[in-house]
Amino acid sequence: MVSPSEAARRVLVTGCSGFTGRYVVEALVEAGHTVIDAEGAGSRFDLTQPTTVSAAIRAARPDYVIHLAAVSFVGHGDAAAFYAVNTVGTANLLEAILAEGIEPRRVVVASSANVYGNADAEPILESTPLAPVNHYAASKLAMEHIARSYSDRLPIVLTRPFNYSGVGQAESFLVPKLVAHFAERRSFVELGNLDVVRDFSDVRAVAQAYLRLLGAEEVPEAITNLCSGVGRSLRWVLQQLRELSGHDLEVRVNPAFVRASEVHRLVGSRSRMEAALGSLPFQDFRATLAWMLEERTTGAKVARSP
């Protein structure tokens, strides 16, 4: 469990300006931590350039590191970028921490549930065999192996977040794309496989998980899922948005959106997460959809608390 007496610390966050990073920074600041933006700590910070990474670490001298920066959109067109940033970039970061003589209390590194691929198990445990089916997932798995090679010298915790969403996520991702279509009351939407099942969560719950990982009394066995433990189909998401918006639209299946290597079901076990971090607001994804729809529809800033 998390110690309530954990003192405020200097936390270096990579990917501060990204979708997840903005919520993590907000949670850290509200908890009294001093957040150091990696991009601001070093001149022209670039994970693929070791000298800029070293400069950021040298300037920050953090007590904790949360590494979120990544190329995360599965459909990203440049396969090499996944490995340059996600894999080699992470190695550059960990190497810089060691080279600069920093002794952080914890280094939290974000991997992805995509490393499981089409797993036979449900819910998926952290011990489930890994079978990535795309470059994004393969780059994250390679990153995990590299991170583990530093675990004898750095207090590394790896997380495998399952699908999550919230206000501010790019519409290249599925859920915000659907929210936009319903909010704007469009007549149709083009999608791929409607029968995929995902473990959807709220970005605010994910941010709270990262915050609690800093103060966890015991590292959760080196790696932990971040998930709701509930599988929901794309058809379920569409139905919730119909009910919440009072609008219906035509769903057209576009074969171009159907991936040959599609992961059909991805539902995680939250038992290890909860043993280390306690209960988190991971399960009511309908409320997340309502939050996203309200902000998109009204244009007004809606409270971020889950």
Protein backbone atom coordinates (compact mmCIF):
# COMPACT_ATOMS: atom_id res chain seq x y z
CA MET A 1 0.00 0.00 0.00
CA VAL A 2 0.98 3.66 -0.28
CA SER A 3 2.55 5.46 2.64
CA PRO A 4 0.56 8.62 3.50
CA SER A 5 3.67 10.21 5.00
CA GLU A 6 5.65 10.20 1.75
CA ALA A 7 7.41 13.58 1.56
CA ALA A 8 7.21 15.82 -1.46
CA ARG A 9 10.00 15.14 -3.94
CA ARG A 10 11.49 16.33 -7.20
CA VAL A 11 9.98 14.23 -9.98
CA LEU A 12 11.39 14.27 -13.50
CA VAL A 13 8.67 13.41 -16.03
CA THR A 14 9.33 12.68 -19.69
CA GLY A 15 6.40 13.34 -21.98
CA CYS A 16 4.95 16.12 -19.77
CA SER A 17 3.21 17.75 -22.72
CA GLY A 18 1.64 14.51 -23.94
CA PHE A 19 -1.90 13.33 -23.24
CA THR A 20 -0.99 11.17 -20.23
CA GLY A 21 1.77 13.47 -19.07
CA ARG A 22 -0.53 16.44 -18.54
CA TYR A 23 -2.72 14.45 -16.14
CA VAL A 24 0.25 12.91 -14.34
CA VAL A 25 1.80 16.34 -13.84
CA GLU A 26 -1.49 17.67 -12.47
CA ALA A 27 -1.76 14.78 -9.99
CA LEU A 28 1.86 15.23 -8.86
CA VAL A 29 1.49 18.97 -8.32
CA GLU A 30 -1.75 18.52 -6.38
CA ALA A 31 0.08 16.05 -4.14
CA GLY A 32 2.79 18.62 -3.42
CA HIS A 33 5.61 17.24 -5.55
CA THR A 34 7.93 19.45 -7.60
CA VAL A 35 7.61 18.39 -11.24
CA ILE A 36 10.53 18.80 -13.60
CA ASP A 37 9.66 18.71 -17.29
CA ALA A 38 12.42 16.74 -19.02
CA GLU A 39 11.97 18.87 -22.11
CA GLY A 40 12.61 21.98 -20.03
CA ALA A 41 15.43 20.53 -17.93
CA GLY A 42 17.77 19.99 -20.86
CA SER A 43 18.41 22.12 -23.92
CA ARG A 44 16.66 20.56 -26.94
CA PHE A 45 15.82 17.36 -25.04
CA ASP A 46 15.56 14.42 -27.44
CA LEU A 47 15.45 10.81 -26.25
CA THR A 48 17.26 9.69 -29.39
CA GLN A 49 20.20 12.03 -28.64
CA PRO A 50 22.15 10.83 -25.56
CA THR A 51 23.86 14.19 -24.94
CA THR A 52 20.55 16.02 -24.56
CA VAL A 53 19.22 13.31 -22.25
CA SER A 54 22.32 13.56 -20.06
CA ALA A 55 21.96 17.35 -19.93
CA ALA A 56 18.37 17.03 -18.70
CA ILE A 57 19.30 14.51 -15.99
CA ARG A 58 22.27 16.61 -14.88
CA ALA A 59 20.10 19.72 -14.58
CA ALA A 60 17.19 17.99 -12.84
CA ARG A 61 18.90 15.66 -10.35
CA PRO A 62 15.51 14.11 -9.54
CA ASP A 63 14.40 12.02 -6.59
CA TYR A 64 12.02 10.12 -8.87
CA VAL A 65 11.65 9.59 -12.61
CA ILE A 66 8.42 8.82 -14.48
CA HIS A 67 9.15 7.91 -18.09
CA LEU A 68 6.07 8.38 -20.28
CA ALA A 69 7.51 9.77 -23.52
CA ALA A 70 6.95 7.44 -26.46
CA VAL A 71 5.65 7.04 -29.98
CA SER A 72 2.31 5.54 -28.93
CA PHE A 73 -0.08 5.54 -31.90
CA VAL A 74 -0.12 1.97 -33.27
CA GLY A 75 -0.89 3.23 -36.77
CA HIS A 76 2.16 5.53 -36.83
CA GLY A 77 3.66 5.31 -40.32
CA ASP A 78 7.38 5.23 -39.41
CA ALA A 79 8.23 1.82 -37.97
CA ALA A 80 11.81 2.84 -37.20
CA ALA A 81 10.58 5.65 -34.95
CA PHE A 82 9.01 3.14 -32.55
CA TYR A 83 12.41 1.59 -31.85
CA ALA A 84 14.42 4.82 -31.97
CA VAL A 85 12.25 6.49 -29.32
CA ASN A 86 10.59 3.71 -27.33
CA THR A 87 13.48 1.27 -27.16
CA VAL A 88 16.79 3.06 -27.73
CA GLY A 89 15.46 6.28 -26.19
CA THR A 90 14.63 4.48 -22.95
CA ALA A 91 18.11 2.95 -22.89
CA ASN A 92 19.57 6.44 -23.32
CA LEU A 93 17.54 7.70 -20.37
CA LEU A 94 18.54 4.89 -18.02
CA GLU A 95 22.16 5.12 -19.05
CA ALA A 96 22.18 8.86 -18.41
CA ILE A 97 20.79 8.38 -14.89
CA LEU A 98 23.67 6.06 -14.10
CA ALA A 99 26.33 8.13 -15.88
CA GLU A 100 25.34 11.30 -14.01
CA GLY A 101 25.54 9.53 -10.65
CA ILE A 102 21.85 10.02 -9.86
CA GLU A 103 20.35 7.69 -7.26
CA PRO A 104 16.58 8.03 -7.69
CA ARG A 105 14.27 6.37 -5.20
CA ARG A 106 12.20 4.93 -8.03
CA VAL A 107 12.18 4.97 -11.83
CA VAL A 108 8.72 4.25 -13.23
CA VAL A 109 8.74 3.23 -16.90
CA ALA A 110 5.55 2.99 -18.98
CA SER A 111 5.35 -0.07 -21.23
CA SER A 112 2.03 -1.22 -22.73
CA ALA A 113 -0.51 -4.04 -22.50
CA ASN A 114 0.00 -4.41 -26.24
CA VAL A 115 3.00 -6.62 -25.44
CA TYR A 116 0.52 -9.42 -24.60
CA GLY A 117 -0.86 -9.59 -28.15
CA ASN A 118 -3.62 -12.15 -28.65
CA ALA A 119 -3.23 -13.80 -25.26
CA ASP A 120 -5.16 -16.99 -24.51
CA ALA A 121 -5.74 -15.97 -20.88
CA GLU A 122 -8.47 -13.70 -19.53
CA PRO A 123 -7.96 -11.78 -17.40
CA ILE A 124 -4.34 -11.36 -18.41
CA LEU A 125 -1.82 -11.72 -15.60
CA GLU A 126 1.62 -10.10 -15.66
CA SER A 127 3.05 -13.63 -16.04
CA THR A 128 1.01 -14.34 -19.20
CA PRO A 129 3.30 -15.17 -22.18
CA LEU A 130 4.03 -12.14 -24.36
CA ALA A 131 3.27 -12.13 -28.09
CA PRO A 132 3.41 -8.63 -29.66
CA VAL A 133 1.78 -8.34 -33.09
CA ASN A 134 2.92 -4.90 -34.28
CA HIS A 135 5.96 -2.61 -34.21
CA TYR A 136 4.62 -0.51 -31.33
CA ALA A 137 4.17 -3.56 -29.12
CA ALA A 138 7.49 -5.10 -30.19
CA SER A 139 9.32 -1.86 -29.40
CA LYS A 140 7.76 -1.80 -25.94
CA LEU A 141 8.70 -5.41 -25.26
CA ALA A 142 12.29 -4.72 -26.33
CA MET A 143 12.21 -1.70 -24.03
CA GLU A 144 11.11 -3.90 -21.12
CA HIS A 145 14.07 -6.23 -21.66
CA ILE A 146 16.46 -3.28 -21.74
CA ALA A 147 14.93 -1.75 -18.61
CA ARG A 148 15.22 -5.04 -16.75
CA SER A 149 18.92 -5.18 -17.60
CA TYR A 150 19.31 -2.05 -15.43
CA SER A 151 17.22 -3.35 -12.53
CA ASP A 152 20.29 -4.44 -10.55
CA ARG A 153 21.49 -0.81 -10.53
CA LEU A 154 18.27 1.22 -10.62
CA PRO A 155 14.95 0.78 -8.72
CA ILE A 156 12.86 0.29 -11.86
CA VAL A 157 9.13 -0.40 -11.93
CA LEU A 158 7.52 -1.25 -15.27
CA THR A 159 3.84 -0.59 -15.92
CA ARG A 160 1.65 -2.13 -18.61
CA PRO A 161 -1.30 0.23 -19.04
CA PHE A 162 -4.29 -1.16 -20.91
CA ASN A 163 -6.44 1.11 -23.10
CA TYR A 164 -7.45 4.41 -21.51
CA SER A 165 -8.90 7.68 -22.68
CA GLY A 166 -10.11 11.10 -21.56
CA VAL A 167 -10.44 14.75 -22.50
CA GLY A 168 -7.53 15.91 -24.63
CA GLN A 169 -6.64 12.63 -26.32
CA ALA A 170 -6.02 12.98 -30.06
CA GLU A 171 -8.83 11.94 -32.40
CA SER A 172 -6.45 9.56 -34.16
CA PHE A 173 -7.31 7.28 -31.21
CA LEU A 174 -10.60 5.39 -31.36
CA VAL A 175 -12.57 6.64 -28.34
CA PRO A 176 -12.04 10.40 -28.88
CA LYS A 177 -12.83 9.87 -32.56
CA LEU A 178 -16.19 8.34 -31.62
CA VAL A 179 -16.91 11.03 -29.02
CA ALA A 180 -16.30 13.72 -31.65
CA HIS A 181 -18.67 12.05 -34.10
CA PHE A 182 -21.48 11.89 -31.55
CA ALA A 183 -20.85 15.36 -30.13
CA GLU A 184 -20.99 16.87 -33.61
CA ARG A 185 -24.01 14.71 -34.44
CA ARG A 186 -22.51 13.40 -37.62
CA SER A 187 -24.53 11.06 -39.81
CA PHE A 188 -22.02 8.19 -40.01
CA VAL A 189 -18.66 6.94 -38.79
CA GLU A 190 -16.18 4.57 -40.46
CA LEU A 191 -14.67 1.91 -38.24
CA GLY A 192 -12.82 -1.38 -38.48
CA ASN A 193 -13.60 -4.51 -36.48
CA LEU A 194 -16.63 -3.79 -34.26
CA ASP A 195 -16.18 -6.92 -32.16
CA VAL A 196 -12.81 -6.14 -30.58
CA VAL A 197 -12.88 -6.10 -26.77
CA ARG A 198 -10.68 -3.81 -24.70
CA ASP A 199 -10.07 -3.03 -21.04
CA PHE A 200 -10.93 0.69 -21.12
CA SER A 201 -9.98 3.04 -18.28
CA ASP A 202 -9.96 6.74 -17.44
CA VAL A 203 -6.69 8.67 -17.88
CA ARG A 204 -7.27 10.25 -14.45
CA ALA A 205 -7.16 6.82 -12.80
CA VAL A 206 -3.93 6.06 -14.66
CA ALA A 207 -2.43 9.32 -13.42
CA GLN A 208 -3.36 8.41 -9.85
CA ALA A 209 -1.68 5.03 -10.30
CA TYR A 210 1.58 6.70 -11.33
CA LEU A 211 1.36 9.04 -8.36
CA ARG A 212 0.84 6.16 -5.96
CA LEU A 213 3.71 4.18 -7.45
CA LEU A 214 6.09 6.83 -6.15
CA GLY A 215 4.99 6.24 -2.57
CA ALA A 216 4.32 2.52 -2.68
CA GLU A 217 5.98 0.89 0.32
CA GLU A 218 6.93 -2.12 -1.77
CA VAL A 219 7.68 -2.21 -5.48
CA PRO A 220 4.93 -4.34 -7.09
CA GLU A 221 7.13 -7.21 -8.27
CA ALA A 222 8.93 -5.11 -10.90
CA ILE A 223 5.98 -4.93 -13.31
CA THR A 224 2.26 -4.27 -12.96
CA ASN A 225 -0.81 -3.99 -15.16
CA LEU A 226 -2.79 -0.76 -14.97
CA CYS A 227 -6.33 -1.74 -15.88
CA SER A 228 -9.98 -2.00 -14.89
CA GLY A 229 -10.22 -5.77 -15.26
CA VAL A 230 -13.44 -5.31 -17.29
CA GLY A 231 -13.71 -6.11 -21.00
CA ARG A 232 -15.90 -3.88 -23.14
CA SER A 233 -16.54 -4.22 -26.87
CA LEU A 234 -16.51 -1.44 -29.41
CA ARG A 235 -20.24 -2.08 -29.83
CA TRP A 236 -20.66 -1.36 -26.09
CA VAL A 237 -18.85 1.98 -26.45
CA LEU A 238 -21.07 2.93 -29.38
CA GLN A 239 -24.21 2.10 -27.42
CA GLN A 240 -23.12 4.18 -24.42
CA LEU A 241 -22.47 7.17 -26.66
CA ARG A 242 -25.86 6.76 -28.32
CA GLU A 243 -27.56 6.84 -24.92
CA LEU A 244 -25.47 9.68 -23.51
CA SER A 245 -25.76 11.92 -26.55
CA GLY A 246 -29.32 11.10 -27.62
CA HIS A 247 -27.95 10.78 -31.14
CA ASP A 248 -27.56 7.81 -33.47
CA LEU A 249 -25.42 7.44 -36.54
CA GLU A 250 -24.68 4.89 -39.22
CA VAL A 251 -21.66 2.69 -38.60
CA ARG A 252 -19.81 1.78 -41.77
CA VAL A 253 -17.13 -0.89 -41.66
CA ASN A 254 -14.15 0.25 -43.72
CA PRO A 255 -11.93 -2.72 -44.68
CA ALA A 256 -8.94 -0.37 -44.71
CA PHE A 257 -9.35 0.06 -40.94
CA VAL A 258 -9.30 -3.69 -40.24
CA ARG A 259 -5.75 -4.67 -39.25
CA ALA A 260 -4.52 -8.08 -40.36
CA SER A 261 -2.75 -8.44 -37.00
CA GLU A 262 -5.70 -7.23 -34.91
CA VAL A 263 -5.66 -8.04 -31.20
CA HIS A 264 -9.20 -9.30 -30.60
CA ARG A 265 -9.46 -9.28 -26.79
CA LEU A 266 -7.24 -7.48 -24.29
CA VAL A 267 -8.53 -7.61 -20.70
CA GLY A 268 -6.17 -7.43 -17.74
CA SER A 269 -6.00 -8.60 -14.15
CA ARG A 270 -5.84 -5.74 -11.65
CA SER A 271 -4.96 -7.91 -8.64
CA ARG A 272 -1.26 -7.00 -8.50
CA MET A 273 -2.00 -3.31 -9.05
CA GLU A 274 -4.53 -3.20 -6.22
CA ALA A 275 -2.29 -5.17 -3.86
CA ALA A 276 0.41 -2.52 -4.25
CA LEU A 277 -1.62 0.66 -4.76
CA GLY A 278 -5.04 0.05 -3.21
CA SER A 279 -8.35 0.68 -4.91
CA LEU A 280 -8.32 3.08 -7.87
CA PRO A 281 -11.25 4.53 -9.91
CA PHE A 282 -10.63 2.32 -12.94
CA GLN A 283 -14.01 0.75 -13.67
CA ASP A 284 -16.79 3.22 -14.62
CA PHE A 285 -15.84 3.94 -18.22
CA ARG A 286 -19.36 5.15 -19.02
CA ALA A 287 -18.64 8.11 -16.70
CA THR A 288 -15.44 8.78 -18.67
CA LEU A 289 -17.41 8.83 -21.92
CA ALA A 290 -19.92 11.24 -20.37
CA TRP A 291 -17.09 13.55 -19.26
CA MET A 292 -15.52 13.52 -22.71
CA LEU A 293 -18.83 14.04 -24.46
CA GLU A 294 -19.84 16.94 -22.18
CA GLU A 295 -16.58 18.80 -22.69
CA ARG A 296 -16.65 18.19 -26.43
CA THR A 297 -20.29 19.22 -26.73
CA THR A 298 -20.28 22.31 -24.51
CA GLY A 299 -16.71 23.44 -25.01
CA ALA A 300 -16.62 24.19 -21.29
CA LYS A 301 -13.84 22.88 -19.09
CA VAL A 302 -15.24 20.06 -16.97
CA ALA A 303 -13.77 19.11 -13.58
CA ARG A 304 -10.93 16.62 -13.98
CA SER A 305 -11.52 14.63 -10.79
CA PRO A 306 -12.61 11.05 -11.60
